[in-house]
Amino acid sequence: STRFGGPLRKTEVLINGLPIWWHALQPFRFDSRVRQLILVAPS
């Protein structure tokens, strides 16, 4: 998140009370072809 700026990392920022990455994965949850969801987080 070097280009994001501010006191928070992007993984910590909330939209509508939920993290950005949570919104990003929602449509995949509702596709019947998805069998595995993997999130790669900051080490």
PDB file of all heavy atoms in Angstrom:
ATOM      1  N   SER A   1       0.814  -1.229   0.000  1.00  0.00           N
ATOM      2  CA  SER A   1       0.000   0.000   0.000  1.00  0.00           C
ATOM      3  C   SER A   1       0.842   1.272   0.000  1.00  0.00           C
ATOM      4  O   SER A   1       0.431   2.297   0.554  1.00  0.00           O
ATOM      5  CB  SER A   1      -0.946   0.010   1.212  1.00  0.00           C
ATOM      6  OG  SER A   1      -1.767  -1.126   1.233  1.00  0.00           O
ATOM      7  N   THR A   2       1.989   1.261  -0.656  1.00  0.00           N
ATOM      8  CA  THR A   2       2.874   2.432  -0.631  1.00  0.00           C
ATOM      9  C   THR A   2       2.254   3.643  -1.318  1.00  0.00           C
ATOM     10  O   THR A   2       2.544   4.778  -0.941  1.00  0.00           O
ATOM     11  CB  THR A   2       4.210   2.101  -1.312  1.00  0.00           C
ATOM     12  OG1 THR A   2       3.959   1.584  -2.620  1.00  0.00           O
ATOM     13  CG2 THR A   2       4.986   1.082  -0.496  1.00  0.00           C
ATOM     14  N   ARG A   3       1.398   3.430  -2.323  1.00  0.00           N
ATOM     15  CA  ARG A   3       0.789   4.553  -3.040  1.00  0.00           C
ATOM     16  C   ARG A   3      -0.531   4.991  -2.423  1.00  0.00           C
ATOM     17  O   ARG A   3      -1.114   5.994  -2.839  1.00  0.00           O
ATOM     18  CB  ARG A   3       0.563   4.178  -4.512  1.00  0.00           C
ATOM     19  CG  ARG A   3       1.833   4.040  -5.323  1.00  0.00           C
ATOM     20  CD  ARG A   3       1.540   3.551  -6.714  1.00  0.00           C
ATOM     21  NE  ARG A   3       1.043   2.168  -6.714  1.00  0.00           N
ATOM     22  CZ  ARG A   3       0.641   1.515  -7.797  1.00  0.00           C
ATOM     23  NH1 ARG A   3       0.655   2.124  -8.971  1.00  0.00           N
ATOM     24  NH2 ARG A   3       0.220   0.268  -7.711  1.00  0.00           N
ATOM     25  N   PHE A   4      -1.013   4.235  -1.453  1.00  0.00           N
ATOM     26  CA  PHE A   4      -2.330   4.523  -0.896  1.00  0.00           C
ATOM     27  C   PHE A   4      -2.317   5.747   0.007  1.00  0.00           C
ATOM     28  O   PHE A   4      -3.210   6.583  -0.021  1.00  0.00           O
ATOM     29  CB  PHE A   4      -2.846   3.303  -0.125  1.00  0.00           C
ATOM     30  CG  PHE A   4      -4.253   3.451   0.366  1.00  0.00           C
ATOM     31  CD1 PHE A   4      -5.303   3.496  -0.535  1.00  0.00           C
ATOM     32  CD2 PHE A   4      -4.534   3.560   1.717  1.00  0.00           C
ATOM     33  CE1 PHE A   4      -6.612   3.644  -0.098  1.00  0.00           C
ATOM     34  CE2 PHE A   4      -5.834   3.700   2.168  1.00  0.00           C
ATOM     35  CZ  PHE A   4      -6.879   3.738   1.255  1.00  0.00           C
ATOM     36  N   GLY A   5      -1.293   5.860   0.831  1.00  0.00           N
ATOM     37  CA  GLY A   5      -1.206   6.998   1.734  1.00  0.00           C
ATOM     38  C   GLY A   5      -2.145   6.836   2.922  1.00  0.00           C
ATOM     39  O   GLY A   5      -2.964   5.926   2.982  1.00  0.00           O
ATOM     40  N   GLY A   6      -1.998   7.719   3.884  1.00  0.00           N
ATOM     41  CA  GLY A   6      -2.861   7.668   5.055  1.00  0.00           C
ATOM     42  C   GLY A   6      -2.332   6.713   6.110  1.00  0.00           C
ATOM     43  O   GLY A   6      -1.360   5.987   5.893  1.00  0.00           O
ATOM     44  N   PRO A   7      -2.987   6.658   7.258  1.00  0.00           N
ATOM     45  CA  PRO A   7      -2.492   5.862   8.384  1.00  0.00           C
ATOM     46  C   PRO A   7      -2.792   4.370   8.266  1.00  0.00           C
ATOM     47  O   PRO A   7      -2.203   3.566   8.972  1.00  0.00           O
ATOM     48  CB  PRO A   7      -3.242   6.464   9.581  1.00  0.00           C
ATOM     49  CG  PRO A   7      -4.517   6.979   8.988  1.00  0.00           C
ATOM     50  CD  PRO A   7      -4.158   7.472   7.614  1.00  0.00           C
ATOM     51  N   LEU A   8      -3.714   3.993   7.365  1.00  0.00           N
ATOM     52  CA  LEU A   8      -4.123   2.596   7.251  1.00  0.00           C
ATOM     53  C   LEU A   8      -3.610   1.960   5.968  1.00  0.00           C
ATOM     54  O   LEU A   8      -3.452   2.624   4.943  1.00  0.00           O
ATOM     55  CB  LEU A   8      -5.653   2.486   7.276  1.00  0.00           C
ATOM     56  CG  LEU A   8      -6.365   2.952   8.543  1.00  0.00           C
ATOM     57  CD1 LEU A   8      -7.873   2.848   8.352  1.00  0.00           C
ATOM     58  CD2 LEU A   8      -5.922   2.159   9.748  1.00  0.00           C
ATOM     59  N   ARG A   9      -3.362   0.654   6.027  1.00  0.00           N
ATOM     60  CA  ARG A   9      -3.095  -0.117   4.819  1.00  0.00           C
ATOM     61  C   ARG A   9      -4.428  -0.432   4.144  1.00  0.00           C
ATOM     62  O   ARG A   9      -5.486  -0.443   4.792  1.00  0.00           O
ATOM     63  CB  ARG A   9      -2.353  -1.409   5.163  1.00  0.00           C
ATOM     64  CG  ARG A   9      -0.964  -1.185   5.747  1.00  0.00           C
ATOM     65  CD  ARG A   9      -0.282  -2.519   6.032  1.00  0.00           C
ATOM     66  NE  ARG A   9      -0.963  -3.256   7.094  1.00  0.00           N
ATOM     67  CZ  ARG A   9      -0.735  -3.091   8.387  1.00  0.00           C
ATOM     68  NH1 ARG A   9       0.154  -2.190   8.786  1.00  0.00           N
ATOM     69  NH2 ARG A   9      -1.390  -3.805   9.282  1.00  0.00           N
ATOM     70  N   LYS A  10      -4.381  -0.730   2.844  1.00  0.00           N
ATOM     71  CA  LYS A  10      -5.632  -1.002   2.138  1.00  0.00           C
ATOM     72  C   LYS A  10      -6.389  -2.183   2.734  1.00  0.00           C
ATOM     73  O   LYS A  10      -7.620  -2.215   2.727  1.00  0.00           O
ATOM     74  CB  LYS A  10      -5.359  -1.253   0.651  1.00  0.00           C
ATOM     75  CG  LYS A  10      -5.231   0.008  -0.156  1.00  0.00           C
ATOM     76  CD  LYS A  10      -5.180  -0.258  -1.642  1.00  0.00           C
ATOM     77  CE  LYS A  10      -3.864  -0.865  -2.074  1.00  0.00           C
ATOM     78  NZ  LYS A  10      -3.771  -0.998  -3.543  1.00  0.00           N
ATOM     79  N   THR A  11      -5.667  -3.174   3.240  1.00  0.00           N
ATOM     80  CA  THR A  11      -6.327  -4.339   3.822  1.00  0.00           C
ATOM     81  C   THR A  11      -7.107  -3.989   5.082  1.00  0.00           C
ATOM     82  O   THR A  11      -7.960  -4.770   5.514  1.00  0.00           O
ATOM     83  CB  THR A  11      -5.294  -5.433   4.165  1.00  0.00           C
ATOM     84  OG1 THR A  11      -4.243  -4.868   4.968  1.00  0.00           O
ATOM     85  CG2 THR A  11      -4.703  -6.028   2.901  1.00  0.00           C
ATOM     86  N   GLU A  12      -6.828  -2.839   5.663  1.00  0.00           N
ATOM     87  CA  GLU A  12      -7.492  -2.423   6.900  1.00  0.00           C
ATOM     88  C   GLU A  12      -8.660  -1.469   6.655  1.00  0.00           C
ATOM     89  O   GLU A  12      -9.484  -1.247   7.547  1.00  0.00           O
ATOM     90  CB  GLU A  12      -6.487  -1.738   7.826  1.00  0.00           C
ATOM     91  CG  GLU A  12      -5.313  -2.601   8.235  1.00  0.00           C
ATOM     92  CD  GLU A  12      -4.245  -1.812   8.967  1.00  0.00           C
ATOM     93  OE1 GLU A  12      -4.017  -0.641   8.621  1.00  0.00           O
ATOM     94  OE2 GLU A  12      -3.643  -2.378   9.887  1.00  0.00           O
ATOM     95  N   VAL A  13      -8.729  -0.906   5.461  1.00  0.00           N
ATOM     96  CA  VAL A  13      -9.754   0.093   5.160  1.00  0.00           C
ATOM     97  C   VAL A  13     -11.095  -0.594   4.927  1.00  0.00           C
ATOM     98  O   VAL A  13     -11.184  -1.642   4.276  1.00  0.00           O
ATOM     99  CB  VAL A  13      -9.347   0.912   3.922  1.00  0.00           C
ATOM    100  CG1 VAL A  13     -10.474   1.850   3.509  1.00  0.00           C
ATOM    101  CG2 VAL A  13      -8.090   1.712   4.220  1.00  0.00           C
ATOM    102  N   LEU A  14     -12.159   0.007   5.467  1.00  0.00           N
ATOM    103  CA  LEU A  14     -13.494  -0.567   5.358  1.00  0.00           C
ATOM    104  C   LEU A  14     -14.367   0.244   4.398  1.00  0.00           C
ATOM    105  O   LEU A  14     -14.286   1.466   4.346  1.00  0.00           O
ATOM    106  CB  LEU A  14     -14.179  -0.610   6.730  1.00  0.00           C
ATOM    107  CG  LEU A  14     -13.432  -1.327   7.857  1.00  0.00           C
ATOM    108  CD1 LEU A  14     -14.284  -1.311   9.128  1.00  0.00           C
ATOM    109  CD2 LEU A  14     -13.060  -2.747   7.471  1.00  0.00           C
ATOM    110  N   ILE A  15     -15.195  -0.457   3.650  1.00  0.00           N
ATOM    111  CA  ILE A  15     -16.252   0.150   2.842  1.00  0.00           C
ATOM    112  C   ILE A  15     -17.560  -0.493   3.289  1.00  0.00           C
ATOM    113  O   ILE A  15     -17.684  -1.726   3.273  1.00  0.00           O
ATOM    114  CB  ILE A  15     -16.041  -0.086   1.334  1.00  0.00           C
ATOM    115  CG1 ILE A  15     -14.747   0.571   0.850  1.00  0.00           C
ATOM    116  CG2 ILE A  15     -17.224   0.448   0.532  1.00  0.00           C
ATOM    117  CD1 ILE A  15     -14.447   0.324  -0.623  1.00  0.00           C
ATOM    118  N   ASN A  16     -18.501   0.320   3.685  1.00  0.00           N
ATOM    119  CA  ASN A  16     -19.761  -0.201   4.236  1.00  0.00           C
ATOM    120  C   ASN A  16     -19.513  -1.166   5.388  1.00  0.00           C
ATOM    121  O   ASN A  16     -20.216  -2.173   5.549  1.00  0.00           O
ATOM    122  CB  ASN A  16     -20.594  -0.885   3.151  1.00  0.00           C
ATOM    123  CG  ASN A  16     -21.045   0.082   2.070  1.00  0.00           C
ATOM    124  OD1 ASN A  16     -21.094   1.287   2.294  1.00  0.00           O
ATOM    125  ND2 ASN A  16     -21.364  -0.437   0.900  1.00  0.00           N
ATOM    126  N   GLY A  17     -18.478  -0.885   6.170  1.00  0.00           N
ATOM    127  CA  GLY A  17     -18.209  -1.682   7.353  1.00  0.00           C
ATOM    128  C   GLY A  17     -17.444  -2.970   7.116  1.00  0.00           C
ATOM    129  O   GLY A  17     -17.204  -3.728   8.056  1.00  0.00           O
ATOM    130  N   LEU A  18     -17.025  -3.218   5.877  1.00  0.00           N
ATOM    131  CA  LEU A  18     -16.314  -4.455   5.545  1.00  0.00           C
ATOM    132  C   LEU A  18     -15.055  -4.128   4.749  1.00  0.00           C
ATOM    133  O   LEU A  18     -15.029  -3.138   3.996  1.00  0.00           O
ATOM    134  CB  LEU A  18     -17.219  -5.396   4.736  1.00  0.00           C
ATOM    135  CG  LEU A  18     -18.397  -5.990   5.504  1.00  0.00           C
ATOM    136  CD1 LEU A  18     -19.426  -6.574   4.540  1.00  0.00           C
ATOM    137  CD2 LEU A  18     -17.917  -7.055   6.491  1.00  0.00           C
ATOM    138  N   PRO A  19     -13.992  -4.935   4.875  1.00  0.00           N
ATOM    139  CA  PRO A  19     -12.734  -4.626   4.180  1.00  0.00           C
ATOM    140  C   PRO A  19     -12.871  -4.706   2.664  1.00  0.00           C
ATOM    141  O   PRO A  19     -13.733  -5.416   2.134  1.00  0.00           O
ATOM    142  CB  PRO A  19     -11.767  -5.689   4.709  1.00  0.00           C
ATOM    143  CG  PRO A  19     -12.629  -6.783   5.228  1.00  0.00           C
ATOM    144  CD  PRO A  19     -13.879  -6.142   5.719  1.00  0.00           C
ATOM    145  N   ILE A  20     -12.006  -3.982   1.998  1.00  0.00           N
ATOM    146  CA  ILE A  20     -12.033  -3.926   0.530  1.00  0.00           C
ATOM    147  C   ILE A  20     -11.958  -5.327  -0.061  1.00  0.00           C
ATOM    148  O   ILE A  20     -12.699  -5.669  -0.988  1.00  0.00           O
ATOM    149  CB  ILE A  20     -10.872  -3.054   0.021  1.00  0.00           C
ATOM    150  CG1 ILE A  20     -11.078  -1.590   0.425  1.00  0.00           C
ATOM    151  CG2 ILE A  20     -10.750  -3.144  -1.500  1.00  0.00           C
ATOM    152  CD1 ILE A  20      -9.921  -0.677   0.062  1.00  0.00           C
ATOM    153  N   TRP A  21     -11.049  -6.160   0.457  1.00  0.00           N
ATOM    154  CA  TRP A  21     -10.868  -7.495  -0.114  1.00  0.00           C
ATOM    155  C   TRP A  21     -12.118  -8.356   0.039  1.00  0.00           C
ATOM    156  O   TRP A  21     -12.365  -9.247  -0.779  1.00  0.00           O
ATOM    157  CB  TRP A  21      -9.661  -8.200   0.507  1.00  0.00           C
ATOM    158  CG  TRP A  21      -9.685  -8.340   1.999  1.00  0.00           C
ATOM    159  CD1 TRP A  21      -9.099  -7.521   2.924  1.00  0.00           C
ATOM    160  CD2 TRP A  21     -10.357  -9.361   2.761  1.00  0.00           C
ATOM    161  NE1 TRP A  21      -9.355  -7.961   4.206  1.00  0.00           N
ATOM    162  CE2 TRP A  21     -10.117  -9.093   4.137  1.00  0.00           C
ATOM    163  CE3 TRP A  21     -11.111 -10.480   2.417  1.00  0.00           C
ATOM    164  CZ2 TRP A  21     -10.629  -9.887   5.157  1.00  0.00           C
ATOM    165  CZ3 TRP A  21     -11.629 -11.276   3.431  1.00  0.00           C
ATOM    166  CH2 TRP A  21     -11.388 -10.981   4.781  1.00  0.00           C
ATOM    167  N   TRP A  22     -12.914  -8.098   1.073  1.00  0.00           N
ATOM    168  CA  TRP A  22     -14.149  -8.860   1.272  1.00  0.00           C
ATOM    169  C   TRP A  22     -15.139  -8.562   0.139  1.00  0.00           C
ATOM    170  O   TRP A  22     -15.765  -9.474  -0.420  1.00  0.00           O
ATOM    171  CB  TRP A  22     -14.756  -8.516   2.626  1.00  0.00           C
ATOM    172  CG  TRP A  22     -16.081  -9.172   2.899  1.00  0.00           C
ATOM    173  CD1 TRP A  22     -17.328  -8.640   2.749  1.00  0.00           C
ATOM    174  CD2 TRP A  22     -16.279 -10.512   3.385  1.00  0.00           C
ATOM    175  NE1 TRP A  22     -18.287  -9.551   3.100  1.00  0.00           N
ATOM    176  CE2 TRP A  22     -17.674 -10.704   3.498  1.00  0.00           C
ATOM    177  CE3 TRP A  22     -15.415 -11.544   3.733  1.00  0.00           C
ATOM    178  CZ2 TRP A  22     -18.228 -11.909   3.946  1.00  0.00           C
ATOM    179  CZ3 TRP A  22     -15.964 -12.739   4.182  1.00  0.00           C
ATOM    180  CH2 TRP A  22     -17.354 -12.910   4.279  1.00  0.00           C
ATOM    181  N   HIS A  23     -15.262  -7.295  -0.216  1.00  0.00           N
ATOM    182  CA  HIS A  23     -16.118  -6.936  -1.341  1.00  0.00           C
ATOM    183  C   HIS A  23     -15.596  -7.569  -2.633  1.00  0.00           C
ATOM    184  O   HIS A  23     -16.387  -8.020  -3.477  1.00  0.00           O
ATOM    185  CB  HIS A  23     -16.166  -5.415  -1.495  1.00  0.00           C
ATOM    186  CG  HIS A  23     -16.865  -4.707  -0.374  1.00  0.00           C
ATOM    187  ND1 HIS A  23     -18.233  -4.668  -0.239  1.00  0.00           N
ATOM    188  CD2 HIS A  23     -16.369  -3.998   0.677  1.00  0.00           C
ATOM    189  CE1 HIS A  23     -18.563  -3.972   0.837  1.00  0.00           C
ATOM    190  NE2 HIS A  23     -17.454  -3.551   1.414  1.00  0.00           N
ATOM    191  N   ALA A  24     -14.274  -7.594  -2.783  1.00  0.00           N
ATOM    192  CA  ALA A  24     -13.675  -8.125  -4.016  1.00  0.00           C
ATOM    193  C   ALA A  24     -13.969  -9.605  -4.225  1.00  0.00           C
ATOM    194  O   ALA A  24     -14.067 -10.066  -5.365  1.00  0.00           O
ATOM    195  CB  ALA A  24     -12.162  -7.894  -3.996  1.00  0.00           C
ATOM    196  N   LEU A  25     -14.112 -10.362  -3.158  1.00  0.00           N
ATOM    197  CA  LEU A  25     -14.317 -11.801  -3.321  1.00  0.00           C
ATOM    198  C   LEU A  25     -15.789 -12.209  -3.371  1.00  0.00           C
ATOM    199  O   LEU A  25     -16.115 -13.363  -3.693  1.00  0.00           O
ATOM    200  CB  LEU A  25     -13.584 -12.588  -2.231  1.00  0.00           C
ATOM    201  CG  LEU A  25     -13.979 -12.455  -0.760  1.00  0.00           C
ATOM    202  CD1 LEU A  25     -15.241 -13.218  -0.407  1.00  0.00           C
ATOM    203  CD2 LEU A  25     -12.814 -12.935   0.117  1.00  0.00           C
ATOM    204  N   GLN A  26     -16.709 -11.285  -3.072  1.00  0.00           N
ATOM    205  CA  GLN A  26     -18.119 -11.657  -2.972  1.00  0.00           C
ATOM    206  C   GLN A  26     -18.697 -12.306  -4.230  1.00  0.00           C
ATOM    207  O   GLN A  26     -19.356 -13.352  -4.144  1.00  0.00           O
ATOM    208  CB  GLN A  26     -18.966 -10.445  -2.566  1.00  0.00           C
ATOM    209  CG  GLN A  26     -18.739  -9.979  -1.144  1.00  0.00           C
ATOM    210  CD  GLN A  26     -18.838 -11.110  -0.137  1.00  0.00           C
ATOM    211  OE1 GLN A  26     -19.880 -11.743  -0.004  1.00  0.00           O
ATOM    212  NE2 GLN A  26     -17.745 -11.388   0.550  1.00  0.00           N
ATOM    213  N   PRO A  27     -18.499 -11.738  -5.432  1.00  0.00           N
ATOM    214  CA  PRO A  27     -19.105 -12.369  -6.605  1.00  0.00           C
ATOM    215  C   PRO A  27     -18.621 -13.797  -6.849  1.00  0.00           C
ATOM    216  O   PRO A  27     -19.369 -14.622  -7.375  1.00  0.00           O
ATOM    217  CB  PRO A  27     -18.681 -11.436  -7.756  1.00  0.00           C
ATOM    218  CG  PRO A  27     -18.438 -10.129  -7.100  1.00  0.00           C
ATOM    219  CD  PRO A  27     -17.837 -10.465  -5.769  1.00  0.00           C
ATOM    220  N   PHE A  28     -17.392 -14.091  -6.461  1.00  0.00           N
ATOM    221  CA  PHE A  28     -16.865 -15.442  -6.651  1.00  0.00           C
ATOM    222  C   PHE A  28     -17.572 -16.445  -5.737  1.00  0.00           C
ATOM    223  O   PHE A  28     -17.739 -17.615  -6.094  1.00  0.00           O
ATOM    224  CB  PHE A  28     -15.359 -15.464  -6.383  1.00  0.00           C
ATOM    225  CG  PHE A  28     -14.582 -14.561  -7.299  1.00  0.00           C
ATOM    226  CD1 PHE A  28     -14.195 -13.290  -6.895  1.00  0.00           C
ATOM    227  CD2 PHE A  28     -14.255 -14.970  -8.580  1.00  0.00           C
ATOM    228  CE1 PHE A  28     -13.497 -12.451  -7.745  1.00  0.00           C
ATOM    229  CE2 PHE A  28     -13.549 -14.143  -9.437  1.00  0.00           C
ATOM    230  CZ  PHE A  28     -13.174 -12.879  -9.022  1.00  0.00           C
ATOM    231  N   ARG A  29     -17.980 -15.985  -4.561  1.00  0.00           N
ATOM    232  CA  ARG A  29     -18.696 -16.858  -3.629  1.00  0.00           C
ATOM    233  C   ARG A  29     -19.996 -17.361  -4.224  1.00  0.00           C
ATOM    234  O   ARG A  29     -20.472 -18.445  -3.873  1.00  0.00           O
ATOM    235  CB  ARG A  29     -19.020 -16.112  -2.333  1.00  0.00           C
ATOM    236  CG  ARG A  29     -17.842 -15.769  -1.457  1.00  0.00           C
ATOM    237  CD  ARG A  29     -18.325 -15.051  -0.212  1.00  0.00           C
ATOM    238  NE  ARG A  29     -19.266 -15.879   0.553  1.00  0.00           N
ATOM    239  CZ  ARG A  29     -20.169 -15.388   1.399  1.00  0.00           C
ATOM    240  NH1 ARG A  29     -20.265 -14.084   1.586  1.00  0.00           N
ATOM    241  NH2 ARG A  29     -20.972 -16.202   2.048  1.00  0.00           N
ATOM    242  N   PHE A  30     -20.573 -16.571  -5.122  1.00  0.00           N
ATOM    243  CA  PHE A  30     -21.891 -16.894  -5.639  1.00  0.00           C
ATOM    244  C   PHE A  30     -21.849 -17.514  -7.036  1.00  0.00           C
ATOM    245  O   PHE A  30     -22.889 -17.620  -7.694  1.00  0.00           O
ATOM    246  CB  PHE A  30     -22.760 -15.633  -5.631  1.00  0.00           C
ATOM    247  CG  PHE A  30     -23.055 -15.146  -4.237  1.00  0.00           C
ATOM    248  CD1 PHE A  30     -22.269 -14.167  -3.647  1.00  0.00           C
ATOM    249  CD2 PHE A  30     -24.089 -15.695  -3.510  1.00  0.00           C
ATOM    250  CE1 PHE A  30     -22.533 -13.721  -2.366  1.00  0.00           C
ATOM    251  CE2 PHE A  30     -24.365 -15.255  -2.222  1.00  0.00           C
ATOM    252  CZ  PHE A  30     -23.579 -14.275  -1.642  1.00  0.00           C
ATOM    253  N   ASP A  31     -20.678 -17.910  -7.487  1.00  0.00           N
ATOM    254  CA  ASP A  31     -20.577 -18.645  -8.749  1.00  0.00           C
ATOM    255  C   ASP A  31     -20.449 -20.130  -8.422  1.00  0.00           C
ATOM    256  O   ASP A  31     -19.559 -20.529  -7.670  1.00  0.00           O
ATOM    257  CB  ASP A  31     -19.369 -18.172  -9.566  1.00  0.00           C
ATOM    258  CG  ASP A  31     -19.422 -18.694 -11.001  1.00  0.00           C
ATOM    259  OD1 ASP A  31     -19.323 -19.936 -11.183  1.00  0.00           O
ATOM    260  OD2 ASP A  31     -19.558 -17.883 -11.928  1.00  0.00           O
ATOM    261  N   SER A  32     -21.333 -20.922  -8.955  1.00  0.00           N
ATOM    262  CA  SER A  32     -21.392 -22.346  -8.604  1.00  0.00           C
ATOM    263  C   SER A  32     -20.145 -23.119  -9.012  1.00  0.00           C
ATOM    264  O   SER A  32     -19.931 -24.245  -8.550  1.00  0.00           O
ATOM    265  CB  SER A  32     -22.627 -22.987  -9.255  1.00  0.00           C
ATOM    266  OG  SER A  32     -22.572 -22.857 -10.672  1.00  0.00           O
ATOM    267  N   ARG A  33     -19.300 -22.520  -9.867  1.00  0.00           N
ATOM    268  CA  ARG A  33     -18.102 -23.226 -10.314  1.00  0.00           C
ATOM    269  C   ARG A  33     -16.924 -23.068  -9.349  1.00  0.00           C
ATOM    270  O   ARG A  33     -15.909 -23.755  -9.501  1.00  0.00           O
ATOM    271  CB  ARG A  33     -17.707 -22.726 -11.706  1.00  0.00           C
ATOM    272  CG  ARG A  33     -18.702 -23.107 -12.786  1.00  0.00           C
ATOM    273  CD  ARG A  33     -18.488 -22.351 -14.080  1.00  0.00           C
ATOM    274  NE  ARG A  33     -18.925 -20.959 -13.969  1.00  0.00           N
ATOM    275  CZ  ARG A  33     -19.054 -20.141 -15.014  1.00  0.00           C
ATOM    276  NH1 ARG A  33     -18.784 -20.575 -16.231  1.00  0.00           N
ATOM    277  NH2 ARG A  33     -19.451 -18.893 -14.834  1.00  0.00           N
ATOM    278  N   VAL A  34     -17.030 -22.177  -8.389  1.00  0.00           N
ATOM    279  CA  VAL A  34     -15.936 -21.930  -7.447  1.00  0.00           C
ATOM    280  C   VAL A  34     -15.956 -22.985  -6.343  1.00  0.00           C
ATOM    281  O   VAL A  34     -16.950 -23.157  -5.649  1.00  0.00           O
ATOM    282  CB  VAL A  34     -16.023 -20.524  -6.848  1.00  0.00           C
ATOM    283  CG1 VAL A  34     -14.965 -20.330  -5.769  1.00  0.00           C
ATOM    284  CG2 VAL A  34     -15.853 -19.468  -7.943  1.00  0.00           C
ATOM    285  N   ARG A  35     -14.814 -23.657  -6.170  1.00  0.00           N
ATOM    286  CA  ARG A  35     -14.674 -24.696  -5.150  1.00  0.00           C
ATOM    287  C   ARG A  35     -13.693 -24.321  -4.049  1.00  0.00           C
ATOM    288  O   ARG A  35     -13.667 -24.942  -2.998  1.00  0.00           O
ATOM    289  CB  ARG A  35     -14.218 -26.016  -5.810  1.00  0.00           C
ATOM    290  CG  ARG A  35     -15.248 -26.646  -6.710  1.00  0.00           C
ATOM    291  CD  ARG A  35     -16.409 -27.209  -5.912  1.00  0.00           C
ATOM    292  NE  ARG A  35     -17.419 -27.807  -6.772  1.00  0.00           N
ATOM    293  CZ  ARG A  35     -18.465 -27.159  -7.250  1.00  0.00           C
ATOM    294  NH1 ARG A  35     -18.640 -25.877  -6.948  1.00  0.00           N
ATOM    295  NH2 ARG A  35     -19.339 -27.752  -8.040  1.00  0.00           N
ATOM    296  N   GLN A  36     -12.862 -23.303  -4.297  1.00  0.00           N
ATOM    297  CA  GLN A  36     -11.869 -22.924  -3.296  1.00  0.00           C
ATOM    298  C   GLN A  36     -11.590 -21.430  -3.393  1.00  0.00           C
ATOM    299  O   GLN A  36     -11.421 -20.886  -4.491  1.00  0.00           O
ATOM    300  CB  GLN A  36     -10.569 -23.707  -3.498  1.00  0.00           C
ATOM    301  CG  GLN A  36      -9.523 -23.481  -2.419  1.00  0.00           C
ATOM    302  CD  GLN A  36      -8.241 -24.270  -2.675  1.00  0.00           C
ATOM    303  OE1 GLN A  36      -7.928 -24.632  -3.811  1.00  0.00           O
ATOM    304  NE2 GLN A  36      -7.492 -24.541  -1.611  1.00  0.00           N
ATOM    305  N   LEU A  37     -11.568 -20.764  -2.243  1.00  0.00           N
ATOM    306  CA  LEU A  37     -11.228 -19.348  -2.162  1.00  0.00           C
ATOM    307  C   LEU A  37      -9.946 -19.199  -1.349  1.00  0.00           C
ATOM    308  O   LEU A  37      -9.867 -19.655  -0.206  1.00  0.00           O
ATOM    309  CB  LEU A  37     -12.349 -18.558  -1.490  1.00  0.00           C
ATOM    310  CG  LEU A  37     -13.577 -18.212  -2.332  1.00  0.00           C
ATOM    311  CD1 LEU A  37     -14.672 -17.645  -1.434  1.00  0.00           C
ATOM    312  CD2 LEU A  37     -13.232 -17.202  -3.421  1.00  0.00           C
ATOM    313  N   ILE A  38      -8.956 -18.550  -1.948  1.00  0.00           N
ATOM    314  CA  ILE A  38      -7.654 -18.345  -1.301  1.00  0.00           C
ATOM    315  C   ILE A  38      -7.383 -16.851  -1.244  1.00  0.00           C
ATOM    316  O   ILE A  38      -7.461 -16.164  -2.265  1.00  0.00           O
ATOM    317  CB  ILE A  38      -6.532 -19.051  -2.089  1.00  0.00           C
ATOM    318  CG1 ILE A  38      -6.798 -20.560  -2.189  1.00  0.00           C
ATOM    319  CG2 ILE A  38      -5.165 -18.786  -1.443  1.00  0.00           C
ATOM    320  CD1 ILE A  38      -5.902 -21.273  -3.186  1.00  0.00           C
ATOM    321  N   LEU A  39      -7.069 -16.362  -0.076  1.00  0.00           N
ATOM    322  CA  LEU A  39      -6.690 -14.957   0.075  1.00  0.00           C
ATOM    323  C   LEU A  39      -5.218 -14.888   0.434  1.00  0.00           C
ATOM    324  O   LEU A  39      -4.772 -15.505   1.409  1.00  0.00           O
ATOM    325  CB  LEU A  39      -7.524 -14.285   1.167  1.00  0.00           C
ATOM    326  CG  LEU A  39      -7.194 -12.812   1.411  1.00  0.00           C
ATOM    327  CD1 LEU A  39      -7.729 -11.946   0.282  1.00  0.00           C
ATOM    328  CD2 LEU A  39      -7.757 -12.337   2.746  1.00  0.00           C
ATOM    329  N   VAL A  40      -4.451 -14.141  -0.361  1.00  0.00           N
ATOM    330  CA  VAL A  40      -3.027 -13.954  -0.090  1.00  0.00           C
ATOM    331  C   VAL A  40      -2.877 -12.616   0.630  1.00  0.00           C
ATOM    332  O   VAL A  40      -3.147 -11.555   0.067  1.00  0.00           O
ATOM    333  CB  VAL A  40      -2.200 -13.971  -1.381  1.00  0.00           C
ATOM    334  CG1 VAL A  40      -0.707 -13.983  -1.042  1.00  0.00           C
ATOM    335  CG2 VAL A  40      -2.550 -15.191  -2.235  1.00  0.00           C
ATOM    336  N   ALA A  41      -2.478 -12.690   1.895  1.00  0.00           N
ATOM    337  CA  ALA A  41      -2.424 -11.518   2.774  1.00  0.00           C
ATOM    338  C   ALA A  41      -0.986 -11.048   2.971  1.00  0.00           C
ATOM    339  O   ALA A  41      -0.033 -11.781   2.678  1.00  0.00           O
ATOM    340  CB  ALA A  41      -3.058 -11.861   4.125  1.00  0.00           C
ATOM    341  N   PRO A  42      -0.800  -9.833   3.480  1.00  0.00           N
ATOM    342  CA  PRO A  42       0.563  -9.317   3.703  1.00  0.00           C
ATOM    343  C   PRO A  42       1.321 -10.197   4.700  1.00  0.00           C
ATOM    344  O   PRO A  42       0.836 -10.445   5.805  1.00  0.00           O
ATOM    345  CB  PRO A  42       0.327  -7.916   4.283  1.00  0.00           C
ATOM    346  CG  PRO A  42      -1.061  -7.555   3.874  1.00  0.00           C
ATOM    347  CD  PRO A  42      -1.830  -8.837   3.846  1.00  0.00           C
ATOM    348  N   SER A  43       2.492 -10.648   4.325  1.00  0.00           N
ATOM    349  CA  SER A  43       3.272 -11.515   5.207  1.00  0.00           C
ATOM    350  C   SER A  43       3.778 -10.759   6.435  1.00  0.00           C
ATOM    351  O   SER A  43       3.877 -11.316   7.535  1.00  0.00           O
ATOM    352  CB  SER A  43       4.459 -12.115   4.448  1.00  0.00           C
ATOM    353  OG  SER A  43       5.292 -11.089   3.905  1.00  0.00           O
TER     354      SER A  43
END
